[in-house]
Amino acid sequence: MNLVQQGYSRDRAIIQAVEKHRALDANQITKLFFGNLKHGKRKAQERLAKMAENKQLKRSRYAPNEPYVYYVDKKSGQIEHLVAVNWVYVWITQRLHTWETLYYWDYEIDLGIIRPDAFCGIKNTVTGKIKWLFIELDRSENKFDKIEKYNRYYAEGLYRGQWWADKAEKFPQVLIVTTSEARLKKIKEIIGGQKGFAAMLLDRGEVK
């Protein structure tokens, strides 16, 4: 495959990724598709600008000092929230071990009493086992009541019969991601010592 063919193939992959994830910002696309290139950020900016000019992608900013967000059809009504959730996707995919693959990723699956922001499955290609994660992005100062809902979901066995339950070695971990140190501290206080929950900080695309 020559350089031109590689470029077209990458363009198609970018469009497919943007379509699948509803919206990706320029920094996310850079990490996913240009991260291994020297001057990858500049090359990503040039290519994305060209794709927008050719109407292969649409773009807009939700704030003047933020990078462009790219989408295919209609802009999500909660695009800032969606982009933040997609940083978790980027973080997970960038840290997969060589024996792991991203088996599943979807948004807002309906669990009846709760609807996680994302649901993720990571497969061990050696053992065939799948680790599942419910992902919650919390950016508000409201009462965080989802922990008690997940506890009820587990305790009452409401997950039984779900298509993924038979593929799960154990009940999925709940990963709560927030965007401020103060909120992280608060959520960790709410979690306490309960097993199955983890809280992390999302800071400029890095989960800490």
N, C-alpha and C. Protein backbone atom coordinates (compact mmCIF):
# COMPACT_ATOMS: atom_id res chain seq x y z
N MET A 1 0.85 -1.19 0.00
CA MET A 1 0.00 0.00 0.00
C MET A 1 0.89 1.25 0.00
N ASN A 2 0.71 2.13 -1.01
CA ASN A 2 1.53 3.33 -1.08
C ASN A 2 0.99 4.40 -0.13
N LEU A 3 1.68 5.56 -0.06
CA LEU A 3 1.32 6.60 0.89
C LEU A 3 -0.07 7.17 0.64
N VAL A 4 -0.44 7.30 -0.64
CA VAL A 4 -1.76 7.83 -0.98
C VAL A 4 -2.85 6.86 -0.50
N GLN A 5 -2.64 5.58 -0.76
CA GLN A 5 -3.60 4.57 -0.32
C GLN A 5 -3.70 4.53 1.20
N GLN A 6 -2.56 4.67 1.88
CA GLN A 6 -2.56 4.70 3.34
C GLN A 6 -3.36 5.90 3.86
N GLY A 7 -3.22 7.03 3.17
CA GLY A 7 -3.96 8.22 3.56
C GLY A 7 -5.46 8.03 3.42
N TYR A 8 -5.89 7.45 2.28
CA TYR A 8 -7.32 7.20 2.08
C TYR A 8 -7.85 6.21 3.11
N SER A 9 -7.05 5.18 3.40
CA SER A 9 -7.47 4.18 4.39
C SER A 9 -7.62 4.82 5.77
N ARG A 10 -6.69 5.70 6.13
CA ARG A 10 -6.78 6.39 7.41
C ARG A 10 -7.99 7.31 7.45
N ASP A 11 -8.28 8.00 6.37
CA ASP A 11 -9.46 8.87 6.30
C ASP A 11 -10.73 8.07 6.58
N ARG A 12 -10.83 6.91 5.93
CA ARG A 12 -12.02 6.06 6.13
C ARG A 12 -12.13 5.62 7.58
N ALA A 13 -10.99 5.26 8.17
CA ALA A 13 -10.98 4.81 9.56
C ALA A 13 -11.40 5.94 10.50
N ILE A 14 -10.95 7.15 10.21
CA ILE A 14 -11.32 8.31 11.03
C ILE A 14 -12.83 8.55 10.94
N ILE A 15 -13.37 8.52 9.73
CA ILE A 15 -14.81 8.74 9.54
C ILE A 15 -15.62 7.67 10.28
N GLN A 16 -15.19 6.42 10.17
CA GLN A 16 -15.88 5.33 10.86
C GLN A 16 -15.83 5.51 12.37
N ALA A 17 -14.68 5.95 12.90
CA ALA A 17 -14.54 6.15 14.34
C ALA A 17 -15.42 7.30 14.81
N VAL A 18 -15.44 8.40 14.06
CA VAL A 18 -16.28 9.55 14.42
C VAL A 18 -17.75 9.15 14.40
N GLU A 19 -18.13 8.38 13.39
CA GLU A 19 -19.51 7.94 13.28
C GLU A 19 -19.88 7.02 14.45
N LYS A 20 -19.01 6.09 14.77
CA LYS A 20 -19.27 5.14 15.86
C LYS A 20 -19.38 5.84 17.20
N HIS A 21 -18.50 6.82 17.44
CA HIS A 21 -18.46 7.47 18.75
C HIS A 21 -19.22 8.79 18.78
N ARG A 22 -19.90 9.10 17.69
CA ARG A 22 -20.82 10.25 17.60
C ARG A 22 -20.10 11.59 17.52
N ALA A 23 -18.98 11.71 18.20
CA ALA A 23 -18.18 12.93 18.14
C ALA A 23 -16.82 12.66 18.76
N LEU A 24 -15.77 13.12 18.08
CA LEU A 24 -14.41 13.05 18.61
C LEU A 24 -13.76 14.41 18.39
N ASP A 25 -13.00 14.88 19.37
CA ASP A 25 -12.34 16.16 19.13
C ASP A 25 -10.97 15.94 18.47
N ALA A 26 -10.35 17.03 18.06
CA ALA A 26 -9.11 16.94 17.29
C ALA A 26 -8.00 16.25 18.08
N ASN A 27 -7.95 16.48 19.38
CA ASN A 27 -6.91 15.85 20.20
C ASN A 27 -7.11 14.34 20.30
N GLN A 28 -8.37 13.92 20.39
CA GLN A 28 -8.66 12.49 20.45
C GLN A 28 -8.28 11.80 19.14
N ILE A 29 -8.64 12.42 18.02
CA ILE A 29 -8.30 11.85 16.72
C ILE A 29 -6.79 11.79 16.54
N THR A 30 -6.11 12.81 17.03
CA THR A 30 -4.64 12.82 16.95
C THR A 30 -4.05 11.63 17.69
N LYS A 31 -4.52 11.38 18.90
CA LYS A 31 -4.00 10.26 19.69
C LYS A 31 -4.32 8.92 19.04
N LEU A 32 -5.51 8.80 18.48
CA LEU A 32 -5.94 7.51 17.92
C LEU A 32 -5.30 7.20 16.57
N PHE A 33 -5.05 8.22 15.75
CA PHE A 33 -4.65 7.96 14.37
C PHE A 33 -3.31 8.59 13.96
N PHE A 34 -2.81 9.52 14.74
CA PHE A 34 -1.57 10.20 14.36
C PHE A 34 -0.52 10.16 15.48
N GLY A 35 -0.82 9.40 16.51
CA GLY A 35 0.04 9.40 17.69
C GLY A 35 1.43 8.86 17.46
N ASN A 36 1.58 8.01 16.45
CA ASN A 36 2.90 7.40 16.19
C ASN A 36 3.71 8.18 15.16
N LEU A 37 3.22 9.33 14.74
CA LEU A 37 3.89 10.10 13.69
C LEU A 37 4.66 11.28 14.28
N LYS A 38 5.79 11.58 13.70
CA LYS A 38 6.49 12.79 14.07
C LYS A 38 5.66 13.98 13.60
N HIS A 39 5.52 14.98 14.43
CA HIS A 39 4.66 16.13 14.15
C HIS A 39 3.22 15.69 13.90
N GLY A 40 2.78 14.68 14.67
CA GLY A 40 1.45 14.12 14.48
C GLY A 40 0.33 15.13 14.67
N LYS A 41 0.48 16.03 15.63
CA LYS A 41 -0.57 17.02 15.88
C LYS A 41 -0.77 17.93 14.69
N ARG A 42 0.33 18.40 14.11
CA ARG A 42 0.23 19.30 12.95
C ARG A 42 -0.38 18.55 11.76
N LYS A 43 0.05 17.31 11.54
CA LYS A 43 -0.47 16.54 10.42
C LYS A 43 -1.96 16.24 10.61
N ALA A 44 -2.35 15.97 11.85
CA ALA A 44 -3.76 15.73 12.13
C ALA A 44 -4.58 16.98 11.84
N GLN A 45 -4.11 18.13 12.28
CA GLN A 45 -4.83 19.38 12.05
C GLN A 45 -5.01 19.64 10.56
N GLU A 46 -3.94 19.43 9.79
CA GLU A 46 -4.00 19.66 8.35
C GLU A 46 -4.99 18.72 7.68
N ARG A 47 -4.94 17.44 8.08
CA ARG A 47 -5.80 16.44 7.43
C ARG A 47 -7.26 16.67 7.81
N LEU A 48 -7.51 16.97 9.07
CA LEU A 48 -8.88 17.17 9.52
C LEU A 48 -9.49 18.43 8.90
N ALA A 49 -8.68 19.46 8.74
CA ALA A 49 -9.16 20.67 8.08
C ALA A 49 -9.56 20.37 6.64
N LYS A 50 -8.76 19.53 5.98
CA LYS A 50 -9.07 19.15 4.59
C LYS A 50 -10.33 18.31 4.52
N MET A 51 -10.49 17.40 5.46
CA MET A 51 -11.69 16.56 5.47
C MET A 51 -12.94 17.39 5.74
N ALA A 52 -12.81 18.40 6.58
CA ALA A 52 -13.96 19.29 6.82
C ALA A 52 -14.26 20.12 5.58
N GLU A 53 -13.21 20.59 4.91
CA GLU A 53 -13.38 21.37 3.69
C GLU A 53 -14.07 20.53 2.61
N ASN A 54 -13.73 19.24 2.55
CA ASN A 54 -14.31 18.33 1.55
C ASN A 54 -15.67 17.78 1.99
N LYS A 55 -16.14 18.25 3.17
CA LYS A 55 -17.44 17.84 3.71
C LYS A 55 -17.51 16.35 4.04
N GLN A 56 -16.35 15.75 4.30
CA GLN A 56 -16.33 14.37 4.79
C GLN A 56 -16.70 14.33 6.26
N LEU A 57 -16.38 15.40 6.97
CA LEU A 57 -16.73 15.56 8.38
C LEU A 57 -17.25 16.97 8.62
N LYS A 58 -18.10 17.10 9.62
CA LYS A 58 -18.53 18.41 10.08
C LYS A 58 -17.76 18.73 11.36
N ARG A 59 -17.66 20.01 11.68
CA ARG A 59 -16.94 20.36 12.90
C ARG A 59 -17.49 21.64 13.51
N SER A 60 -17.28 21.76 14.81
CA SER A 60 -17.66 22.97 15.54
C SER A 60 -16.90 22.97 16.86
N ARG A 61 -16.96 24.10 17.56
CA ARG A 61 -16.35 24.20 18.88
C ARG A 61 -17.45 24.49 19.90
N TYR A 62 -17.37 23.87 21.08
CA TYR A 62 -18.34 24.19 22.13
C TYR A 62 -17.83 25.30 23.03
N ALA A 63 -16.58 25.71 22.82
CA ALA A 63 -16.02 26.86 23.53
C ALA A 63 -14.86 27.39 22.69
N PRO A 64 -14.64 28.72 22.70
CA PRO A 64 -13.59 29.30 21.84
C PRO A 64 -12.20 28.74 22.07
N ASN A 65 -11.87 28.36 23.29
CA ASN A 65 -10.52 27.89 23.59
C ASN A 65 -10.39 26.37 23.53
N GLU A 66 -11.43 25.70 23.06
CA GLU A 66 -11.41 24.24 22.96
C GLU A 66 -11.12 23.80 21.53
N PRO A 67 -10.59 22.59 21.33
CA PRO A 67 -10.32 22.11 19.97
C PRO A 67 -11.62 21.85 19.22
N TYR A 68 -11.52 21.77 17.91
CA TYR A 68 -12.69 21.42 17.10
C TYR A 68 -13.18 20.03 17.48
N VAL A 69 -14.51 19.88 17.45
CA VAL A 69 -15.14 18.58 17.63
C VAL A 69 -15.71 18.16 16.28
N TYR A 70 -15.43 16.93 15.88
CA TYR A 70 -15.83 16.43 14.56
C TYR A 70 -16.96 15.42 14.70
N TYR A 71 -17.91 15.51 13.79
CA TYR A 71 -19.04 14.59 13.77
C TYR A 71 -19.47 14.40 12.31
N VAL A 72 -20.33 13.40 12.08
CA VAL A 72 -20.70 13.04 10.70
C VAL A 72 -22.06 13.62 10.32
N ASP A 73 -23.04 13.45 11.18
CA ASP A 73 -24.39 13.86 10.82
C ASP A 73 -24.82 15.07 11.64
N LYS A 74 -25.51 14.83 12.74
CA LYS A 74 -25.97 15.93 13.58
C LYS A 74 -25.12 16.03 14.83
N LYS A 75 -24.90 17.24 15.29
CA LYS A 75 -24.14 17.46 16.50
C LYS A 75 -24.96 17.05 17.72
N SER A 76 -24.36 16.29 18.60
CA SER A 76 -25.03 15.85 19.82
C SER A 76 -25.42 17.05 20.66
N GLY A 77 -26.57 16.94 21.34
CA GLY A 77 -27.01 18.01 22.21
C GLY A 77 -26.18 18.13 23.47
N GLN A 78 -25.46 17.07 23.83
CA GLN A 78 -24.59 17.07 25.00
C GLN A 78 -23.16 16.77 24.56
N ILE A 79 -22.69 17.55 23.61
CA ILE A 79 -21.43 17.20 22.95
C ILE A 79 -20.24 17.29 23.91
N GLU A 80 -20.25 18.23 24.84
CA GLU A 80 -19.13 18.34 25.78
C GLU A 80 -19.06 17.10 26.67
N HIS A 81 -20.21 16.64 27.12
CA HIS A 81 -20.29 15.42 27.93
C HIS A 81 -19.81 14.21 27.13
N LEU A 82 -20.27 14.12 25.89
CA LEU A 82 -19.89 13.00 25.03
C LEU A 82 -18.39 12.97 24.77
N VAL A 83 -17.81 14.12 24.48
CA VAL A 83 -16.36 14.18 24.26
C VAL A 83 -15.60 13.72 25.50
N ALA A 84 -16.08 14.11 26.67
CA ALA A 84 -15.43 13.69 27.91
C ALA A 84 -15.51 12.17 28.08
N VAL A 85 -16.66 11.58 27.79
CA VAL A 85 -16.79 10.12 27.86
C VAL A 85 -15.83 9.46 26.87
N ASN A 86 -15.70 10.06 25.70
CA ASN A 86 -14.83 9.47 24.69
C ASN A 86 -13.35 9.57 25.07
N TRP A 87 -12.99 10.48 25.97
CA TRP A 87 -11.62 10.48 26.49
C TRP A 87 -11.36 9.21 27.29
N VAL A 88 -12.37 8.70 27.95
CA VAL A 88 -12.21 7.43 28.67
C VAL A 88 -11.96 6.31 27.66
N TYR A 89 -12.69 6.33 26.54
CA TYR A 89 -12.46 5.35 25.48
C TYR A 89 -11.03 5.42 24.97
N VAL A 90 -10.54 6.62 24.70
CA VAL A 90 -9.17 6.79 24.21
C VAL A 90 -8.18 6.26 25.24
N TRP A 91 -8.40 6.60 26.49
CA TRP A 91 -7.51 6.18 27.57
C TRP A 91 -7.45 4.66 27.66
N ILE A 92 -8.61 4.01 27.57
CA ILE A 92 -8.65 2.55 27.66
C ILE A 92 -7.95 1.90 26.48
N THR A 93 -8.26 2.35 25.27
CA THR A 93 -7.67 1.72 24.09
C THR A 93 -6.16 1.93 24.02
N GLN A 94 -5.67 3.07 24.52
CA GLN A 94 -4.25 3.35 24.47
C GLN A 94 -3.47 2.52 25.49
N ARG A 95 -4.16 1.93 26.45
CA ARG A 95 -3.48 1.19 27.52
C ARG A 95 -3.78 -0.29 27.53
N LEU A 96 -4.35 -0.81 26.46
CA LEU A 96 -4.57 -2.24 26.36
C LEU A 96 -3.23 -2.98 26.31
N HIS A 97 -3.16 -4.10 26.99
CA HIS A 97 -1.96 -4.93 26.90
C HIS A 97 -1.94 -5.64 25.55
N THR A 98 -0.81 -6.20 25.21
CA THR A 98 -0.68 -6.87 23.90
C THR A 98 -1.61 -8.08 23.80
N TRP A 99 -2.00 -8.65 24.94
CA TRP A 99 -2.88 -9.81 24.93
C TRP A 99 -4.35 -9.43 25.10
N GLU A 100 -4.64 -8.13 25.04
CA GLU A 100 -6.01 -7.67 25.21
C GLU A 100 -6.54 -7.00 23.96
N THR A 101 -7.84 -7.03 23.81
CA THR A 101 -8.49 -6.31 22.72
C THR A 101 -9.80 -5.73 23.24
N LEU A 102 -10.19 -4.61 22.65
CA LEU A 102 -11.47 -4.01 23.04
C LEU A 102 -12.59 -4.80 22.37
N TYR A 103 -13.29 -5.55 23.16
CA TYR A 103 -14.33 -6.46 22.67
C TYR A 103 -15.64 -5.74 22.41
N TYR A 104 -15.94 -4.75 23.25
CA TYR A 104 -17.26 -4.09 23.14
C TYR A 104 -17.18 -2.68 23.70
N TRP A 105 -17.89 -1.77 23.05
CA TRP A 105 -18.05 -0.39 23.56
C TRP A 105 -19.37 0.14 23.05
N ASP A 106 -20.20 0.62 23.96
CA ASP A 106 -21.47 1.23 23.55
C ASP A 106 -21.88 2.26 24.60
N TYR A 107 -22.86 3.06 24.23
CA TYR A 107 -23.28 4.17 25.07
C TYR A 107 -24.69 3.97 25.61
N GLU A 108 -24.88 4.37 26.86
CA GLU A 108 -26.20 4.49 27.47
C GLU A 108 -27.09 3.27 27.24
N ILE A 109 -26.57 2.09 27.51
CA ILE A 109 -27.39 0.89 27.41
C ILE A 109 -28.43 0.92 28.54
N ASP A 110 -29.62 0.48 28.23
CA ASP A 110 -30.73 0.55 29.19
C ASP A 110 -30.70 -0.67 30.10
N LEU A 111 -30.40 -0.46 31.39
CA LEU A 111 -30.37 -1.55 32.36
C LEU A 111 -31.63 -1.57 33.21
N GLY A 112 -32.59 -0.76 32.85
CA GLY A 112 -33.83 -0.70 33.62
C GLY A 112 -33.79 0.40 34.66
N ILE A 113 -33.06 0.16 35.75
CA ILE A 113 -33.01 1.16 36.82
C ILE A 113 -31.87 2.15 36.64
N ILE A 114 -31.01 1.88 35.67
CA ILE A 114 -29.87 2.76 35.47
C ILE A 114 -29.41 2.67 34.02
N ARG A 115 -28.78 3.75 33.56
CA ARG A 115 -28.28 3.80 32.19
C ARG A 115 -26.86 4.37 32.23
N PRO A 116 -25.83 3.51 32.22
CA PRO A 116 -24.45 4.01 32.28
C PRO A 116 -24.10 4.85 31.06
N ASP A 117 -23.16 5.77 31.24
CA ASP A 117 -22.73 6.59 30.11
C ASP A 117 -22.09 5.74 29.02
N ALA A 118 -21.38 4.69 29.42
CA ALA A 118 -20.79 3.76 28.46
C ALA A 118 -20.65 2.39 29.10
N PHE A 119 -20.59 1.38 28.25
CA PHE A 119 -20.40 0.00 28.71
C PHE A 119 -19.29 -0.59 27.87
N CYS A 120 -18.30 -1.18 28.55
CA CYS A 120 -17.08 -1.59 27.88
C CYS A 120 -16.73 -3.03 28.22
N GLY A 121 -16.25 -3.77 27.24
CA GLY A 121 -15.76 -5.13 27.45
C GLY A 121 -14.34 -5.26 26.92
N ILE A 122 -13.41 -5.73 27.76
CA ILE A 122 -12.02 -5.93 27.37
C ILE A 122 -11.73 -7.42 27.41
N LYS A 123 -11.33 -7.98 26.27
CA LYS A 123 -11.14 -9.43 26.17
C LYS A 123 -9.68 -9.81 26.27
N ASN A 124 -9.42 -10.81 27.10
CA ASN A 124 -8.10 -11.42 27.17
C ASN A 124 -8.02 -12.45 26.05
N THR A 125 -7.19 -12.20 25.05
CA THR A 125 -7.15 -13.07 23.87
C THR A 125 -6.49 -14.41 24.15
N VAL A 126 -5.82 -14.53 25.30
CA VAL A 126 -5.19 -15.80 25.68
C VAL A 126 -6.20 -16.70 26.40
N THR A 127 -6.89 -16.14 27.38
CA THR A 127 -7.83 -16.94 28.17
C THR A 127 -9.26 -16.90 27.62
N GLY A 128 -9.55 -15.87 26.81
CA GLY A 128 -10.90 -15.71 26.27
C GLY A 128 -11.85 -15.03 27.24
N LYS A 129 -11.37 -14.69 28.45
CA LYS A 129 -12.22 -14.05 29.45
C LYS A 129 -12.42 -12.57 29.12
N ILE A 130 -13.56 -12.05 29.52
CA ILE A 130 -13.91 -10.66 29.23
C ILE A 130 -14.12 -9.90 30.53
N LYS A 131 -13.44 -8.78 30.66
CA LYS A 131 -13.64 -7.88 31.80
C LYS A 131 -14.60 -6.78 31.36
N TRP A 132 -15.67 -6.60 32.11
CA TRP A 132 -16.69 -5.62 31.75
C TRP A 132 -16.62 -4.42 32.68
N LEU A 133 -16.91 -3.25 32.14
CA LEU A 133 -16.89 -2.01 32.89
C LEU A 133 -18.14 -1.19 32.60
N PHE A 134 -18.82 -0.77 33.66
CA PHE A 134 -19.82 0.29 33.53
C PHE A 134 -19.08 1.60 33.74
N ILE A 135 -19.24 2.56 32.85
CA ILE A 135 -18.51 3.82 32.94
C ILE A 135 -19.49 4.96 33.18
N GLU A 136 -19.21 5.72 34.23
CA GLU A 136 -20.04 6.86 34.59
C GLU A 136 -19.17 8.12 34.60
N LEU A 137 -19.61 9.14 33.89
CA LEU A 137 -18.93 10.43 33.92
C LEU A 137 -19.74 11.37 34.80
N ASP A 138 -19.12 11.88 35.84
CA ASP A 138 -19.81 12.77 36.77
C ASP A 138 -19.13 14.12 36.78
N ARG A 139 -19.84 15.16 36.32
CA ARG A 139 -19.27 16.51 36.25
C ARG A 139 -20.10 17.50 37.06
N SER A 140 -21.14 17.03 37.72
CA SER A 140 -22.04 17.94 38.43
C SER A 140 -21.73 17.96 39.92
N GLU A 141 -22.42 18.83 40.63
CA GLU A 141 -22.29 18.89 42.08
C GLU A 141 -23.53 18.32 42.76
N ASN A 142 -24.38 17.66 41.97
CA ASN A 142 -25.59 17.08 42.53
C ASN A 142 -25.26 15.82 43.32
N LYS A 143 -26.22 15.33 44.08
CA LYS A 143 -26.04 14.09 44.82
C LYS A 143 -25.77 12.95 43.84
N PHE A 144 -24.72 12.20 44.12
CA PHE A 144 -24.38 11.07 43.25
C PHE A 144 -25.05 9.82 43.82
N ASP A 145 -26.18 9.42 43.22
CA ASP A 145 -26.97 8.32 43.75
C ASP A 145 -26.85 7.03 42.95
N LYS A 146 -25.93 7.02 41.99
CA LYS A 146 -25.85 5.85 41.12
C LYS A 146 -25.24 4.63 41.80
N ILE A 147 -24.42 4.86 42.83
CA ILE A 147 -23.81 3.73 43.52
C ILE A 147 -24.87 2.83 44.14
N GLU A 148 -25.85 3.45 44.80
CA GLU A 148 -26.92 2.64 45.40
C GLU A 148 -27.74 1.93 44.34
N LYS A 149 -27.86 2.52 43.15
CA LYS A 149 -28.60 1.87 42.07
C LYS A 149 -27.84 0.66 41.54
N TYR A 150 -26.52 0.81 41.39
CA TYR A 150 -25.72 -0.35 40.95
C TYR A 150 -25.74 -1.45 42.00
N ASN A 151 -25.69 -1.08 43.27
CA ASN A 151 -25.76 -2.09 44.33
C ASN A 151 -27.08 -2.84 44.29
N ARG A 152 -28.14 -2.11 44.03
CA ARG A 152 -29.46 -2.76 43.92
C ARG A 152 -29.51 -3.65 42.68
N TYR A 153 -28.96 -3.14 41.58
CA TYR A 153 -28.95 -3.90 40.33
C TYR A 153 -28.27 -5.25 40.53
N TYR A 154 -27.20 -5.24 41.34
CA TYR A 154 -26.47 -6.49 41.63
C TYR A 154 -27.21 -7.34 42.65
N ALA A 155 -27.60 -6.74 43.76
CA ALA A 155 -28.21 -7.49 44.85
C ALA A 155 -29.50 -8.18 44.45
N GLU A 156 -30.29 -7.53 43.61
CA GLU A 156 -31.57 -8.11 43.18
C GLU A 156 -31.44 -8.99 41.95
N GLY A 157 -30.21 -9.14 41.45
CA GLY A 157 -29.98 -10.01 40.29
C GLY A 157 -30.63 -9.51 39.02
N LEU A 158 -30.80 -8.18 38.91
CA LEU A 158 -31.49 -7.62 37.74
C LEU A 158 -30.67 -7.77 36.46
N TYR A 159 -29.40 -8.09 36.60
CA TYR A 159 -28.53 -8.26 35.44
C TYR A 159 -28.71 -9.63 34.79
N ARG A 160 -29.30 -10.57 35.50
CA ARG A 160 -29.47 -11.91 34.95
C ARG A 160 -30.34 -11.85 33.70
N GLY A 161 -29.93 -12.58 32.69
CA GLY A 161 -30.66 -12.57 31.43
C GLY A 161 -30.11 -11.58 30.42
N GLN A 162 -29.22 -10.65 30.87
CA GLN A 162 -28.58 -9.74 29.92
C GLN A 162 -27.63 -10.55 29.02
N TRP A 163 -27.51 -10.13 27.78
CA TRP A 163 -26.72 -10.91 26.82
C TRP A 163 -25.27 -11.05 27.24
N TRP A 164 -24.76 -10.07 27.99
CA TRP A 164 -23.36 -10.09 28.38
C TRP A 164 -23.11 -10.87 29.67
N ALA A 165 -24.17 -11.19 30.42
CA ALA A 165 -24.00 -11.81 31.73
C ALA A 165 -23.30 -13.17 31.63
N ASP A 166 -23.65 -13.96 30.63
CA ASP A 166 -23.03 -15.28 30.47
C ASP A 166 -21.57 -15.18 30.04
N LYS A 167 -21.18 -14.02 29.50
CA LYS A 167 -19.81 -13.82 29.05
C LYS A 167 -18.94 -13.20 30.14
N ALA A 168 -19.55 -12.88 31.27
CA ALA A 168 -18.84 -12.17 32.32
C ALA A 168 -18.29 -13.15 33.36
N GLU A 169 -17.02 -13.00 33.69
CA GLU A 169 -16.41 -13.81 34.74
C GLU A 169 -16.94 -13.40 36.11
N LYS A 170 -17.21 -12.08 36.24
CA LYS A 170 -17.79 -11.56 37.47
C LYS A 170 -18.59 -10.30 37.11
N PHE A 171 -19.32 -9.78 38.08
CA PHE A 171 -20.13 -8.58 37.83
C PHE A 171 -19.22 -7.43 37.40
N PRO A 172 -19.65 -6.64 36.42
CA PRO A 172 -18.80 -5.55 35.91
C PRO A 172 -18.38 -4.56 36.99
N GLN A 173 -17.16 -4.06 36.86
CA GLN A 173 -16.70 -2.98 37.72
C GLN A 173 -17.36 -1.68 37.28
N VAL A 174 -17.64 -0.79 38.23
CA VAL A 174 -18.19 0.52 37.92
C VAL A 174 -17.06 1.53 38.02
N LEU A 175 -16.70 2.14 36.89
CA LEU A 175 -15.63 3.14 36.85
C LEU A 175 -16.27 4.52 36.77
N ILE A 176 -16.06 5.32 37.81
CA ILE A 176 -16.64 6.67 37.87
C ILE A 176 -15.52 7.66 37.58
N VAL A 177 -15.72 8.46 36.56
CA VAL A 177 -14.71 9.43 36.13
C VAL A 177 -15.26 10.83 36.34
N THR A 178 -14.47 11.69 36.95
CA THR A 178 -14.89 13.07 37.17
C THR A 178 -13.79 14.03 36.73
N THR A 179 -14.06 15.32 36.81
CA THR A 179 -13.14 16.29 36.20
C THR A 179 -12.56 17.30 37.18
N SER A 180 -12.76 17.08 38.49
CA SER A 180 -12.15 17.98 39.46
C SER A 180 -11.68 17.19 40.67
N GLU A 181 -10.62 17.67 41.28
CA GLU A 181 -10.07 17.01 42.46
C GLU A 181 -11.10 16.98 43.60
N ALA A 182 -11.82 18.09 43.76
CA ALA A 182 -12.80 18.17 44.84
C ALA A 182 -13.92 17.14 44.64
N ARG A 183 -14.38 17.03 43.40
CA ARG A 183 -15.45 16.06 43.12
C ARG A 183 -14.95 14.63 43.27
N LEU A 184 -13.71 14.38 42.86
CA LEU A 184 -13.11 13.05 43.01
C LEU A 184 -13.08 12.66 44.49
N LYS A 185 -12.66 13.59 45.33
CA LYS A 185 -12.60 13.33 46.77
C LYS A 185 -13.99 12.99 47.31
N LYS A 186 -15.00 13.75 46.85
CA LYS A 186 -16.37 13.52 47.31
C LYS A 186 -16.87 12.15 46.90
N ILE A 187 -16.62 11.77 45.66
CA ILE A 187 -17.09 10.48 45.16
C ILE A 187 -16.40 9.34 45.90
N LYS A 188 -15.10 9.49 46.17
CA LYS A 188 -14.38 8.45 46.91
C LYS A 188 -14.94 8.30 48.32
N GLU A 189 -15.39 9.41 48.90
CA GLU A 189 -16.02 9.35 50.22
C GLU A 189 -17.33 8.57 50.14
N ILE A 190 -18.08 8.79 49.06
CA ILE A 190 -19.36 8.09 48.88
C ILE A 190 -19.12 6.60 48.67
N ILE A 191 -18.10 6.26 47.87
CA ILE A 191 -17.79 4.85 47.61
C ILE A 191 -17.36 4.15 48.89
N GLY A 192 -16.51 4.85 49.67
CA GLY A 192 -15.99 4.23 50.88
C GLY A 192 -15.15 3.01 50.54
N GLY A 193 -15.37 1.92 51.23
CA GLY A 193 -14.60 0.71 50.98
C GLY A 193 -15.34 -0.32 50.15
N GLN A 194 -16.41 0.11 49.47
CA GLN A 194 -17.20 -0.84 48.69
C GLN A 194 -16.40 -1.42 47.52
N LYS A 195 -16.45 -2.71 47.36
CA LYS A 195 -15.76 -3.37 46.25
C LYS A 195 -16.56 -3.17 44.96
N GLY A 196 -15.85 -3.22 43.85
CA GLY A 196 -16.51 -3.13 42.56
C GLY A 196 -16.65 -1.72 42.01
N PHE A 197 -16.20 -0.72 42.80
CA PHE A 197 -16.27 0.67 42.35
C PHE A 197 -14.87 1.27 42.34
N ALA A 198 -14.60 2.11 41.34
CA ALA A 198 -13.34 2.84 41.26
C ALA A 198 -13.63 4.24 40.76
N ALA A 199 -12.90 5.23 41.27
CA ALA A 199 -13.09 6.62 40.86
C ALA A 199 -11.76 7.16 40.34
N MET A 200 -11.81 7.90 39.25
CA MET A 200 -10.61 8.44 38.63
C MET A 200 -10.86 9.87 38.17
N LEU A 201 -9.78 10.59 37.97
CA LEU A 201 -9.83 11.98 37.53
C LEU A 201 -9.49 12.08 36.06
N LEU A 202 -10.35 12.77 35.30
CA LEU A 202 -10.10 13.03 33.88
C LEU A 202 -9.55 14.44 33.76
N ASP A 203 -8.31 14.59 33.33
CA ASP A 203 -7.67 15.89 33.25
C ASP A 203 -6.99 16.05 31.90
N ARG A 204 -7.58 16.88 31.04
CA ARG A 204 -7.03 17.13 29.70
C ARG A 204 -6.75 15.83 28.95
N GLY A 205 -7.72 14.95 29.00
CA GLY A 205 -7.60 13.73 28.22
C GLY A 205 -6.89 12.59 28.91
N GLU A 206 -6.35 12.83 30.11
CA GLU A 206 -5.67 11.77 30.84
C GLU A 206 -6.50 11.37 32.05
N VAL A 207 -6.66 10.07 32.26
CA VAL A 207 -7.35 9.57 33.43
C VAL A 207 -6.30 9.27 34.48
N LYS A 208 -6.46 9.83 35.69
CA LYS A 208 -5.47 9.68 36.74
C LYS A 208 -6.05 8.99 37.97
